[in-house]
Amino acid sequence: MHASLIRRQLGGLVPPKIATPKLVSGGSGTGLGPLVDFYSKLPKGHGTPRVSGIKGRFFNGKNASGAPLVALIVGIFGVSYTLDYNMHLKHHKNHAH
């Protein structure tokens, strides 16, 4: 691998303005203070994922409910009943039983 390729891949790990070669190459490690301060201010722990849309509105959080699921079931039932009823009427159009 080329040195520039490796430098480009590892460039995102350490912010370039904080970790300069002068600070990192010091033998005593006293020059790493700004780098340690930067990383100590970063948030720790698990982040909470933000969910938006129907799932975030109805199934997650304090407003969690099953209303969309019930509405979907009722809607599918209504559409299928309407289609079945119309097909049945077409069947009786020419053939009475």
PDB file of N, CA and C in Angstrom:
ATOM      1  N   MET A   1       0.836  -1.181   0.000  1.00  0.00           N
ATOM      2  CA  MET A   1       0.000   0.000   0.000  1.00  0.00           C
ATOM      3  C   MET A   1       0.880   1.244   0.000  1.00  0.00           C
ATOM      4  N   HIS A   2       0.360   2.273  -0.595  1.00  0.00           N
ATOM      5  CA  HIS A   2       1.085   3.531  -0.635  1.00  0.00           C
ATOM      6  C   HIS A   2       0.855   4.303   0.658  1.00  0.00           C
ATOM      7  N   ALA A   3       1.839   5.100   1.023  1.00  0.00           N
ATOM      8  CA  ALA A   3       1.747   5.869   2.266  1.00  0.00           C
ATOM      9  C   ALA A   3       0.587   6.862   2.223  1.00  0.00           C
ATOM     10  N   SER A   4       0.319   7.440   1.058  1.00  0.00           N
ATOM     11  CA  SER A   4      -0.770   8.413   0.970  1.00  0.00           C
ATOM     12  C   SER A   4      -2.123   7.733   1.143  1.00  0.00           C
ATOM     13  N   LEU A   5      -2.245   6.504   0.661  1.00  0.00           N
ATOM     14  CA  LEU A   5      -3.498   5.766   0.808  1.00  0.00           C
ATOM     15  C   LEU A   5      -3.754   5.441   2.277  1.00  0.00           C
ATOM     16  N   ILE A   6      -2.723   5.002   2.973  1.00  0.00           N
ATOM     17  CA  ILE A   6      -2.860   4.689   4.392  1.00  0.00           C
ATOM     18  C   ILE A   6      -3.167   5.955   5.181  1.00  0.00           C
ATOM     19  N   ARG A   7      -2.491   7.044   4.860  1.00  0.00           N
ATOM     20  CA  ARG A   7      -2.719   8.311   5.548  1.00  0.00           C
ATOM     21  C   ARG A   7      -4.151   8.791   5.322  1.00  0.00           C
ATOM     22  N   ARG A   8      -4.670   8.595   4.113  1.00  0.00           N
ATOM     23  CA  ARG A   8      -6.030   9.007   3.806  1.00  0.00           C
ATOM     24  C   ARG A   8      -7.056   8.157   4.564  1.00  0.00           C
ATOM     25  N   GLN A   9      -6.804   6.857   4.689  1.00  0.00           N
ATOM     26  CA  GLN A   9      -7.734   5.988   5.392  1.00  0.00           C
ATOM     27  C   GLN A   9      -7.730   6.236   6.898  1.00  0.00           C
ATOM     28  N   LEU A  10      -6.578   6.516   7.451  1.00  0.00           N
ATOM     29  CA  LEU A  10      -6.476   6.731   8.888  1.00  0.00           C
ATOM     30  C   LEU A  10      -6.655   8.187   9.280  1.00  0.00           C
ATOM     31  N   GLY A  11      -6.859   9.048   8.327  1.00  0.00           N
ATOM     32  CA  GLY A  11      -6.981  10.475   8.604  1.00  0.00           C
ATOM     33  C   GLY A  11      -8.211  10.829   9.410  1.00  0.00           C
ATOM     34  N   GLY A  12      -9.269  10.047   9.324  1.00  0.00           N
ATOM     35  CA  GLY A  12     -10.492  10.358  10.045  1.00  0.00           C
ATOM     36  C   GLY A  12     -10.471   9.933  11.495  1.00  0.00           C
ATOM     37  N   LEU A  13      -9.489   9.172  11.906  1.00  0.00           N
ATOM     38  CA  LEU A  13      -9.464   8.689  13.288  1.00  0.00           C
ATOM     39  C   LEU A  13      -9.056   9.765  14.284  1.00  0.00           C
ATOM     40  N   VAL A  14      -8.089  10.581  13.939  1.00  0.00           N
ATOM     41  CA  VAL A  14      -7.584  11.617  14.831  1.00  0.00           C
ATOM     42  C   VAL A  14      -7.758  12.959  14.132  1.00  0.00           C
ATOM     43  N   PRO A  15      -8.411  13.907  14.766  1.00  0.00           N
ATOM     44  CA  PRO A  15      -8.581  15.206  14.132  1.00  0.00           C
ATOM     45  C   PRO A  15      -7.229  15.853  13.824  1.00  0.00           C
ATOM     46  N   PRO A  16      -7.013  16.340  12.617  1.00  0.00           N
ATOM     47  CA  PRO A  16      -5.698  16.828  12.211  1.00  0.00           C
ATOM     48  C   PRO A  16      -5.250  18.104  12.930  1.00  0.00           C
ATOM     49  N   LYS A  17      -6.166  18.956  13.369  1.00  0.00           N
ATOM     50  CA  LYS A  17      -5.760  20.204  13.996  1.00  0.00           C
ATOM     51  C   LYS A  17      -5.312  19.994  15.438  1.00  0.00           C
ATOM     52  N   ILE A  18      -5.691  18.887  16.042  1.00  0.00           N
ATOM     53  CA  ILE A  18      -5.328  18.623  17.427  1.00  0.00           C
ATOM     54  C   ILE A  18      -4.079  17.761  17.510  1.00  0.00           C
ATOM     55  N   ALA A  19      -4.007  16.727  16.696  1.00  0.00           N
ATOM     56  CA  ALA A  19      -2.866  15.813  16.744  1.00  0.00           C
ATOM     57  C   ALA A  19      -1.906  16.150  15.612  1.00  0.00           C
ATOM     58  N   THR A  20      -1.048  17.078  15.827  1.00  0.00           N
ATOM     59  CA  THR A  20      -0.027  17.427  14.849  1.00  0.00           C
ATOM     60  C   THR A  20       1.203  16.570  15.099  1.00  0.00           C
ATOM     61  N   PRO A  21       2.079  16.423  14.131  1.00  0.00           N
ATOM     62  CA  PRO A  21       3.283  15.604  14.337  1.00  0.00           C
ATOM     63  C   PRO A  21       4.155  16.096  15.490  1.00  0.00           C
ATOM     64  N   LYS A  22       4.153  17.396  15.760  1.00  0.00           N
ATOM     65  CA  LYS A  22       4.961  17.911  16.873  1.00  0.00           C
ATOM     66  C   LYS A  22       4.447  17.396  18.210  1.00  0.00           C
ATOM     67  N   LEU A  23       3.107  17.353  18.356  1.00  0.00           N
ATOM     68  CA  LEU A  23       2.531  16.903  19.621  1.00  0.00           C
ATOM     69  C   LEU A  23       2.672  15.400  19.818  1.00  0.00           C
ATOM     70  N   VAL A  24       2.492  14.651  18.760  1.00  0.00           N
ATOM     71  CA  VAL A  24       2.492  13.190  18.879  1.00  0.00           C
ATOM     72  C   VAL A  24       3.904  12.637  18.986  1.00  0.00           C
ATOM     73  N   SER A  25       4.874  13.274  18.345  1.00  0.00           N
ATOM     74  CA  SER A  25       6.220  12.708  18.307  1.00  0.00           C
ATOM     75  C   SER A  25       7.027  12.977  19.584  1.00  0.00           C
ATOM     76  N   GLY A  26       6.481  13.755  20.509  1.00  0.00           N
ATOM     77  CA  GLY A  26       7.216  14.035  21.745  1.00  0.00           C
ATOM     78  C   GLY A  26       7.389  12.756  22.565  1.00  0.00           C
ATOM     79  N   GLY A  27       8.556  12.528  23.114  1.00  0.00           N
ATOM     80  CA  GLY A  27       8.826  11.297  23.843  1.00  0.00           C
ATOM     81  C   GLY A  27       8.163  11.241  25.205  1.00  0.00           C
ATOM     82  N   SER A  28       7.926  12.376  25.836  1.00  0.00           N
ATOM     83  CA  SER A  28       7.397  12.359  27.193  1.00  0.00           C
ATOM     84  C   SER A  28       5.877  12.219  27.232  1.00  0.00           C
ATOM     85  N   GLY A  29       5.211  12.547  26.192  1.00  0.00           N
ATOM     86  CA  GLY A  29       3.760  12.457  26.160  1.00  0.00           C
ATOM     87  C   GLY A  29       3.073  13.669  26.756  1.00  0.00           C
ATOM     88  N   THR A  30       3.799  14.697  27.124  1.00  0.00           N
ATOM     89  CA  THR A  30       3.177  15.894  27.701  1.00  0.00           C
ATOM     90  C   THR A  30       2.439  16.701  26.646  1.00  0.00           C
ATOM     91  N   GLY A  31       2.801  16.552  25.393  1.00  0.00           N
ATOM     92  CA  GLY A  31       2.151  17.315  24.333  1.00  0.00           C
ATOM     93  C   GLY A  31       0.807  16.748  23.919  1.00  0.00           C
ATOM     94  N   LEU A  32       0.394  15.673  24.507  1.00  0.00           N
ATOM     95  CA  LEU A  32      -0.882  15.075  24.131  1.00  0.00           C
ATOM     96  C   LEU A  32      -2.056  15.635  24.917  1.00  0.00           C
ATOM     97  N   GLY A  33      -1.847  16.642  25.710  1.00  0.00           N
ATOM     98  CA  GLY A  33      -2.910  17.240  26.527  1.00  0.00           C
ATOM     99  C   GLY A  33      -4.110  17.699  25.726  1.00  0.00           C
ATOM    100  N   PRO A  34      -3.929  18.474  24.637  1.00  0.00           N
ATOM    101  CA  PRO A  34      -5.088  18.902  23.841  1.00  0.00           C
ATOM    102  C   PRO A  34      -5.859  17.730  23.242  1.00  0.00           C
ATOM    103  N   LEU A  35      -5.129  16.688  22.847  1.00  0.00           N
ATOM    104  CA  LEU A  35      -5.796  15.517  22.278  1.00  0.00           C
ATOM    105  C   LEU A  35      -6.633  14.796  23.330  1.00  0.00           C
ATOM    106  N   VAL A  36      -6.101  14.659  24.536  1.00  0.00           N
ATOM    107  CA  VAL A  36      -6.829  14.011  25.620  1.00  0.00           C
ATOM    108  C   VAL A  36      -8.032  14.858  26.018  1.00  0.00           C
ATOM    109  N   ASP A  37      -7.881  16.173  26.050  1.00  0.00           N
ATOM    110  CA  ASP A  37      -9.003  17.052  26.369  1.00  0.00           C
ATOM    111  C   ASP A  37     -10.115  16.940  25.337  1.00  0.00           C
ATOM    112  N   PHE A  38      -9.728  16.839  24.059  1.00  0.00           N
ATOM    113  CA  PHE A  38     -10.725  16.719  22.998  1.00  0.00           C
ATOM    114  C   PHE A  38     -11.536  15.438  23.154  1.00  0.00           C
ATOM    115  N   TYR A  39     -10.846  14.324  23.340  1.00  0.00           N
ATOM    116  CA  TYR A  39     -11.547  13.042  23.431  1.00  0.00           C
ATOM    117  C   TYR A  39     -12.290  12.885  24.758  1.00  0.00           C
ATOM    118  N   SER A  40     -11.900  13.556  25.797  1.00  0.00           N
ATOM    119  CA  SER A  40     -12.630  13.456  27.060  1.00  0.00           C
ATOM    120  C   SER A  40     -13.952  14.223  27.013  1.00  0.00           C
ATOM    121  N   LYS A  41     -14.082  15.180  26.095  1.00  0.00           N
ATOM    122  CA  LYS A  41     -15.320  15.949  25.972  1.00  0.00           C
ATOM    123  C   LYS A  41     -16.346  15.265  25.074  1.00  0.00           C
ATOM    124  N   LEU A  42     -15.950  14.228  24.364  1.00  0.00           N
ATOM    125  CA  LEU A  42     -16.886  13.525  23.487  1.00  0.00           C
ATOM    126  C   LEU A  42     -17.899  12.751  24.326  1.00  0.00           C
ATOM    127  N   PRO A  43     -19.134  12.623  23.846  1.00  0.00           N
ATOM    128  CA  PRO A  43     -20.141  11.878  24.602  1.00  0.00           C
ATOM    129  C   PRO A  43     -19.791  10.395  24.689  1.00  0.00           C
ATOM    130  N   LYS A  44     -20.112   9.799  25.824  1.00  0.00           N
ATOM    131  CA  LYS A  44     -19.820   8.391  26.043  1.00  0.00           C
ATOM    132  C   LYS A  44     -21.117   7.615  26.173  1.00  0.00           C
ATOM    133  N   GLY A  45     -21.064   6.343  25.919  1.00  0.00           N
ATOM    134  CA  GLY A  45     -22.233   5.494  26.070  1.00  0.00           C
ATOM    135  C   GLY A  45     -22.946   5.288  24.753  1.00  0.00           C
ATOM    136  N   HIS A  46     -24.094   4.651  24.854  1.00  0.00           N
ATOM    137  CA  HIS A  46     -24.871   4.326  23.674  1.00  0.00           C
ATOM    138  C   HIS A  46     -25.708   5.529  23.259  1.00  0.00           C
ATOM    139  N   GLY A  47     -25.733   5.784  21.977  1.00  0.00           N
ATOM    140  CA  GLY A  47     -26.579   6.842  21.456  1.00  0.00           C
ATOM    141  C   GLY A  47     -27.989   6.323  21.269  1.00  0.00           C
ATOM    142  N   THR A  48     -28.967   7.197  21.391  1.00  0.00           N
ATOM    143  CA  THR A  48     -30.348   6.801  21.167  1.00  0.00           C
ATOM    144  C   THR A  48     -30.691   7.063  19.706  1.00  0.00           C
ATOM    145  N   PRO A  49     -31.075   6.020  18.988  1.00  0.00           N
ATOM    146  CA  PRO A  49     -31.413   6.222  17.576  1.00  0.00           C
ATOM    147  C   PRO A  49     -32.736   6.965  17.434  1.00  0.00           C
ATOM    148  N   ARG A  50     -32.777   7.879  16.512  1.00  0.00           N
ATOM    149  CA  ARG A  50     -34.002   8.621  16.256  1.00  0.00           C
ATOM    150  C   ARG A  50     -34.768   7.915  15.154  1.00  0.00           C
ATOM    151  N   VAL A  51     -35.997   7.597  15.449  1.00  0.00           N
ATOM    152  CA  VAL A  51     -36.840   6.912  14.484  1.00  0.00           C
ATOM    153  C   VAL A  51     -37.974   7.853  14.123  1.00  0.00           C
ATOM    154  N   SER A  52     -38.150   8.099  12.853  1.00  0.00           N
ATOM    155  CA  SER A  52     -39.213   8.995  12.425  1.00  0.00           C
ATOM    156  C   SER A  52     -40.210   8.218  11.574  1.00  0.00           C
ATOM    157  N   GLY A  53     -41.224   8.891  11.165  1.00  0.00           N
ATOM    158  CA  GLY A  53     -42.234   8.265  10.334  1.00  0.00           C
ATOM    159  C   GLY A  53     -43.297   7.576  11.169  1.00  0.00           C
ATOM    160  N   ILE A  54     -43.941   6.598  10.585  1.00  0.00           N
ATOM    161  CA  ILE A  54     -45.038   5.903  11.261  1.00  0.00           C
ATOM    162  C   ILE A  54     -44.525   5.126  12.460  1.00  0.00           C
ATOM    163  N   LYS A  55     -43.373   4.475  12.311  1.00  0.00           N
ATOM    164  CA  LYS A  55     -42.833   3.699  13.427  1.00  0.00           C
ATOM    165  C   LYS A  55     -42.505   4.606  14.614  1.00  0.00           C
ATOM    166  N   GLY A  56     -41.869   5.723  14.373  1.00  0.00           N
ATOM    167  CA  GLY A  56     -41.530   6.641  15.450  1.00  0.00           C
ATOM    168  C   GLY A  56     -42.743   7.294  16.079  1.00  0.00           C
ATOM    169  N   ARG A  57     -43.776   7.540  15.292  1.00  0.00           N
ATOM    170  CA  ARG A  57     -44.957   8.234  15.792  1.00  0.00           C
ATOM    171  C   ARG A  57     -45.880   7.315  16.596  1.00  0.00           C
ATOM    172  N   PHE A  58     -46.044   6.069  16.149  1.00  0.00           N
ATOM    173  CA  PHE A  58     -47.050   5.212  16.764  1.00  0.00           C
ATOM    174  C   PHE A  58     -46.502   4.051  17.585  1.00  0.00           C
ATOM    175  N   PHE A  59     -45.317   3.536  17.248  1.00  0.00           N
ATOM    176  CA  PHE A  59     -44.845   2.325  17.899  1.00  0.00           C
ATOM    177  C   PHE A  59     -43.718   2.551  18.893  1.00  0.00           C
ATOM    178  N   ASN A  60     -43.066   3.706  18.891  1.00  0.00           N
ATOM    179  CA  ASN A  60     -41.976   4.007  19.827  1.00  0.00           C
ATOM    180  C   ASN A  60     -42.344   5.209  20.677  1.00  0.00           C
ATOM    181  N   GLY A  61     -41.771   5.287  21.859  1.00  0.00           N
ATOM    182  CA  GLY A  61     -41.942   6.468  22.700  1.00  0.00           C
ATOM    183  C   GLY A  61     -43.172   6.398  23.578  1.00  0.00           C
ATOM    184  N   LYS A  62     -43.561   7.574  24.074  1.00  0.00           N
ATOM    185  CA  LYS A  62     -44.655   7.628  25.037  1.00  0.00           C
ATOM    186  C   LYS A  62     -46.027   7.490  24.384  1.00  0.00           C
ATOM    187  N   ASN A  63     -46.110   7.676  23.081  1.00  0.00           N
ATOM    188  CA  ASN A  63     -47.396   7.572  22.383  1.00  0.00           C
ATOM    189  C   ASN A  63     -47.552   6.230  21.679  1.00  0.00           C
ATOM    190  N   ALA A  64     -46.922   5.194  22.178  1.00  0.00           N
ATOM    191  CA  ALA A  64     -46.966   3.894  21.515  1.00  0.00           C
ATOM    192  C   ALA A  64     -48.373   3.321  21.556  1.00  0.00           C
ATOM    193  N   SER A  65     -48.860   2.873  20.408  1.00  0.00           N
ATOM    194  CA  SER A  65     -50.171   2.244  20.341  1.00  0.00           C
ATOM    195  C   SER A  65     -50.210   1.327  19.129  1.00  0.00           C
ATOM    196  N   GLY A  66     -51.227   0.539  19.054  1.00  0.00           N
ATOM    197  CA  GLY A  66     -51.402  -0.374  17.937  1.00  0.00           C
ATOM    198  C   GLY A  66     -52.428   0.125  16.943  1.00  0.00           C
ATOM    199  N   ALA A  67     -52.761   1.412  16.982  1.00  0.00           N
ATOM    200  CA  ALA A  67     -53.793   1.970  16.110  1.00  0.00           C
ATOM    201  C   ALA A  67     -53.481   1.773  14.618  1.00  0.00           C
ATOM    202  N   PRO A  68     -52.259   1.968  14.147  1.00  0.00           N
ATOM    203  CA  PRO A  68     -52.008   1.758  12.717  1.00  0.00           C
ATOM    204  C   PRO A  68     -52.197   0.304  12.298  1.00  0.00           C
ATOM    205  N   LEU A  69     -51.851  -0.619  13.180  1.00  0.00           N
ATOM    206  CA  LEU A  69     -52.012  -2.034  12.859  1.00  0.00           C
ATOM    207  C   LEU A  69     -53.496  -2.388  12.753  1.00  0.00           C
ATOM    208  N   VAL A  70     -54.295  -1.899  13.673  1.00  0.00           N
ATOM    209  CA  VAL A  70     -55.736  -2.144  13.624  1.00  0.00           C
ATOM    210  C   VAL A  70     -56.341  -1.491  12.384  1.00  0.00           C
ATOM    211  N   ALA A  71     -55.919  -0.274  12.063  1.00  0.00           N
ATOM    212  CA  ALA A  71     -56.424   0.422  10.878  1.00  0.00           C
ATOM    213  C   ALA A  71     -56.055  -0.336   9.607  1.00  0.00           C
ATOM    214  N   LEU A  72     -54.852  -0.903   9.568  1.00  0.00           N
ATOM    215  CA  LEU A  72     -54.441  -1.685   8.406  1.00  0.00           C
ATOM    216  C   LEU A  72     -55.304  -2.934   8.255  1.00  0.00           C
ATOM    217  N   ILE A  73     -55.563  -3.627   9.343  1.00  0.00           N
ATOM    218  CA  ILE A  73     -56.394  -4.833   9.289  1.00  0.00           C
ATOM    219  C   ILE A  73     -57.810  -4.496   8.840  1.00  0.00           C
ATOM    220  N   VAL A  74     -58.387  -3.431   9.400  1.00  0.00           N
ATOM    221  CA  VAL A  74     -59.742  -3.020   9.018  1.00  0.00           C
ATOM    222  C   VAL A  74     -59.769  -2.580   7.555  1.00  0.00           C
ATOM    223  N   GLY A  75     -58.753  -1.874   7.113  1.00  0.00           N
ATOM    224  CA  GLY A  75     -58.698  -1.429   5.722  1.00  0.00           C
ATOM    225  C   GLY A  75     -58.601  -2.590   4.740  1.00  0.00           C
ATOM    226  N   ILE A  76     -57.762  -3.565   5.053  1.00  0.00           N
ATOM    227  CA  ILE A  76     -57.645  -4.742   4.176  1.00  0.00           C
ATOM    228  C   ILE A  76     -58.964  -5.512   4.151  1.00  0.00           C
ATOM    229  N   PHE A  77     -59.595  -5.666   5.318  1.00  0.00           N
ATOM    230  CA  PHE A  77     -60.883  -6.339   5.370  1.00  0.00           C
ATOM    231  C   PHE A  77     -61.912  -5.592   4.523  1.00  0.00           C
ATOM    232  N   GLY A  78     -61.968  -4.266   4.643  1.00  0.00           N
ATOM    233  CA  GLY A  78     -62.946  -3.481   3.887  1.00  0.00           C
ATOM    234  C   GLY A  78     -62.749  -3.587   2.385  1.00  0.00           C
ATOM    235  N   VAL A  79     -61.500  -3.513   1.937  1.00  0.00           N
ATOM    236  CA  VAL A  79     -61.227  -3.607   0.500  1.00  0.00           C
ATOM    237  C   VAL A  79     -61.554  -5.012  -0.009  1.00  0.00           C
ATOM    238  N   SER A  80     -61.160  -6.034   0.724  1.00  0.00           N
ATOM    239  CA  SER A  80     -61.413  -7.399   0.253  1.00  0.00           C
ATOM    240  C   SER A  80     -62.906  -7.715   0.266  1.00  0.00           C
ATOM    241  N   TYR A  81     -63.637  -7.241   1.270  1.00  0.00           N
ATOM    242  CA  TYR A  81     -65.086  -7.468   1.312  1.00  0.00           C
ATOM    243  C   TYR A  81     -65.775  -6.775   0.140  1.00  0.00           C
ATOM    244  N   THR A  82     -65.338  -5.553  -0.176  1.00  0.00           N
ATOM    245  CA  THR A  82     -65.927  -4.821  -1.296  1.00  0.00           C
ATOM    246  C   THR A  82     -65.684  -5.540  -2.615  1.00  0.00           C
ATOM    247  N   LEU A  83     -64.467  -6.014  -2.815  1.00  0.00           N
ATOM    248  CA  LEU A  83     -64.157  -6.753  -4.048  1.00  0.00           C
ATOM    249  C   LEU A  83     -64.966  -8.041  -4.128  1.00  0.00           C
ATOM    250  N   ASP A  84     -65.067  -8.757  -3.038  1.00  0.00           N
ATOM    251  CA  ASP A  84     -65.821 -10.010  -3.036  1.00  0.00           C
ATOM    252  C   ASP A  84     -67.300  -9.755  -3.291  1.00  0.00           C
ATOM    253  N   TYR A  85     -67.853  -8.709  -2.700  1.00  0.00           N
ATOM    254  CA  TYR A  85     -69.262  -8.374  -2.892  1.00  0.00           C
ATOM    255  C   TYR A  85     -69.543  -8.017  -4.347  1.00  0.00           C
ATOM    256  N   ASN A  86     -68.654  -7.219  -4.952  1.00  0.00           N
ATOM    257  CA  ASN A  86     -68.858  -6.844  -6.350  1.00  0.00           C
ATOM    258  C   ASN A  86     -68.724  -8.049  -7.275  1.00  0.00           C
ATOM    259  N   MET A  87     -67.808  -8.956  -6.975  1.00  0.00           N
ATOM    260  CA  MET A  87     -67.680 -10.164  -7.795  1.00  0.00           C
ATOM    261  C   MET A  87     -68.932 -11.034  -7.658  1.00  0.00           C
ATOM    262  N   HIS A  88     -69.489 -11.063  -6.469  1.00  0.00           N
ATOM    263  CA  HIS A  88     -70.693 -11.845  -6.248  1.00  0.00           C
ATOM    264  C   HIS A  88     -71.866 -11.232  -7.014  1.00  0.00           C
ATOM    265  N   LEU A  89     -71.949  -9.910  -7.066  1.00  0.00           N
ATOM    266  CA  LEU A  89     -73.009  -9.271  -7.832  1.00  0.00           C
ATOM    267  C   LEU A  89     -72.858  -9.556  -9.319  1.00  0.00           C
ATOM    268  N   LYS A  90     -71.619  -9.585  -9.809  1.00  0.00           N
ATOM    269  CA  LYS A  90     -71.396  -9.918 -11.220  1.00  0.00           C
ATOM    270  C   LYS A  90     -71.816 -11.353 -11.501  1.00  0.00           C
ATOM    271  N   HIS A  91     -71.634 -12.225 -10.522  1.00  0.00           N
ATOM    272  CA  HIS A  91     -72.022 -13.614 -10.695  1.00  0.00           C
ATOM    273  C   HIS A  91     -73.544 -13.734 -10.816  1.00  0.00           C
ATOM    274  N   HIS A  92     -74.289 -12.933 -10.030  1.00  0.00           N
ATOM    275  CA  HIS A  92     -75.740 -12.996 -10.052  1.00  0.00           C
ATOM    276  C   HIS A  92     -76.349 -12.194 -11.201  1.00  0.00           C
ATOM    277  N   LYS A  93     -75.546 -11.493 -11.950  1.00  0.00           N
ATOM    278  CA  LYS A  93     -76.073 -10.662 -13.017  1.00  0.00           C
ATOM    279  C   LYS A  93     -76.776 -11.514 -14.086  1.00  0.00           C
ATOM    280  N   ASN A  94     -76.152 -12.625 -14.461  1.00  0.00           N
ATOM    281  CA  ASN A  94     -76.708 -13.459 -15.517  1.00  0.00           C
ATOM    282  C   ASN A  94     -77.223 -14.806 -14.991  1.00  0.00           C
ATOM    283  N   HIS A  95     -76.864 -15.176 -13.773  1.00  0.00           N
ATOM    284  CA  HIS A  95     -77.251 -16.499 -13.259  1.00  0.00           C
ATOM    285  C   HIS A  95     -77.868 -16.333 -11.880  1.00  0.00           C
ATOM    286  N   ALA A  96     -79.131 -16.578 -11.793  1.00  0.00           N
ATOM    287  CA  ALA A  96     -79.777 -16.535 -10.491  1.00  0.00           C
ATOM    288  C   ALA A  96     -79.715 -17.920  -9.861  1.00  0.00           C
ATOM    289  N   HIS A  97     -79.475 -17.996  -8.566  1.00  0.00           N
ATOM    290  CA  HIS A  97     -79.462 -19.312  -7.922  1.00  0.00           C
ATOM    291  C   HIS A  97     -80.221 -19.316  -6.646  1.00  0.00           C
TER     292      HIS A  97
END
